[in-house]
Amino acid sequence: MEDRVLDWEVYEKTAREMAAEGLVLLKNDNAVLPLKAGSKIGVAGPFANARNTSGGWSLVAGQNTLTLAESLTERGFSVVS
């Protein structure tokens, strides 16, 4: 097997672009979205505070990886577990 070096910055940028392009808003009844900073959001389940949510195929949970709860908090939301 050939040793390869991954350019993590390019990998992360590409992954973020793909995720953003894959989002679809189907309905926005009562103008709920976008959520306003400071809104209280409930986060539940095994992946709420997990860094590796990619399953067995992922190489590592990178040091730049945020949990869902951390990401929401970083963006100004009040997260309730």
Protein backbone atom coordinates (compact mmCIF):
# COMPACT_ATOMS: atom_id res chain seq x y z
CA MET A 1 0.00 0.00 0.00
CA GLU A 2 1.34 3.39 -0.98
CA ASP A 3 1.84 5.98 1.76
CA ARG A 4 -0.14 9.14 1.10
CA VAL A 5 -0.29 12.47 2.86
CA LEU A 6 -3.69 14.09 3.06
CA ASP A 7 -4.05 17.85 2.85
CA TRP A 8 -6.48 18.18 5.76
CA GLU A 9 -7.25 21.84 5.07
CA VAL A 10 -8.38 21.03 1.53
CA TYR A 11 -10.23 17.93 2.77
CA GLU A 12 -12.08 19.92 5.47
CA LYS A 13 -12.93 22.78 3.08
CA THR A 14 -14.30 20.34 0.50
CA ALA A 15 -16.33 18.47 3.13
CA ARG A 16 -17.87 21.74 4.38
CA GLU A 17 -18.72 22.84 0.83
CA MET A 18 -20.35 19.49 0.08
CA ALA A 19 -22.38 19.63 3.29
CA ALA A 20 -23.54 23.18 2.60
CA GLU A 21 -24.52 22.34 -0.98
CA GLY A 22 -26.44 19.27 0.22
CA LEU A 23 -28.75 21.21 2.53
CA VAL A 24 -32.29 21.72 1.30
CA LEU A 25 -35.04 23.78 2.90
CA LEU A 26 -38.34 22.10 2.16
CA LYS A 27 -40.72 24.30 4.16
CA ASN A 28 -40.48 27.29 6.43
CA ASP A 29 -43.93 27.48 7.94
CA ASN A 30 -44.39 30.46 10.25
CA ALA A 31 -40.94 31.82 9.27
CA VAL A 32 -39.19 29.66 11.88
CA LEU A 33 -35.92 29.70 9.94
CA PRO A 34 -33.30 30.99 10.10
CA LEU A 35 -32.95 30.45 13.82
CA LYS A 36 -31.94 33.54 15.69
CA ALA A 37 -28.75 33.59 17.76
CA GLY A 38 -29.59 33.18 21.43
CA SER A 39 -32.42 30.74 20.65
CA LYS A 40 -32.62 27.73 22.93
CA ILE A 41 -32.09 24.45 21.04
CA GLY A 42 -32.60 20.96 22.44
CA VAL A 43 -29.98 18.42 21.34
CA ALA A 44 -30.47 14.75 22.16
CA GLY A 45 -29.07 11.39 21.14
CA PRO A 46 -25.72 9.66 21.05
CA PHE A 47 -24.17 12.09 18.56
CA ALA A 48 -25.02 15.34 20.39
CA ASN A 49 -21.61 15.40 22.08
CA ALA A 50 -19.73 12.94 19.85
CA ARG A 51 -16.74 14.03 17.77
CA ASN A 52 -16.69 11.00 15.48
CA THR A 53 -20.10 10.61 13.87
CA SER A 54 -18.78 9.30 10.57
CA GLY A 55 -18.76 5.62 11.43
CA GLY A 56 -16.00 3.13 10.86
CA TRP A 57 -14.88 4.49 7.51
CA SER A 58 -13.50 7.73 8.91
CA LEU A 59 -9.77 7.91 9.55
CA VAL A 60 -9.84 9.96 12.73
CA ALA A 61 -11.94 12.46 14.57
CA GLY A 62 -9.77 15.45 13.74
CA GLN A 63 -8.61 17.98 16.27
CA ASN A 64 -10.66 20.62 14.44
CA THR A 65 -13.83 18.57 14.77
CA LEU A 66 -16.66 20.09 16.81
CA THR A 67 -19.58 18.25 18.31
CA LEU A 68 -23.07 19.33 17.28
CA ALA A 69 -23.58 20.96 20.68
CA GLU A 70 -20.22 22.80 20.49
CA SER A 71 -20.93 24.03 16.99
CA LEU A 72 -24.33 25.42 17.97
CA THR A 73 -22.91 27.05 21.11
CA GLU A 74 -20.09 28.60 19.07
CA ARG A 75 -22.70 30.16 16.81
CA GLY A 76 -24.54 31.79 19.70
CA PHE A 77 -27.28 29.29 20.52
CA SER A 78 -28.19 28.10 23.99
CA VAL A 79 -27.93 24.30 23.87
CA VAL A 80 -30.04 22.17 26.21
CA SER A 81 -29.34 18.44 26.51
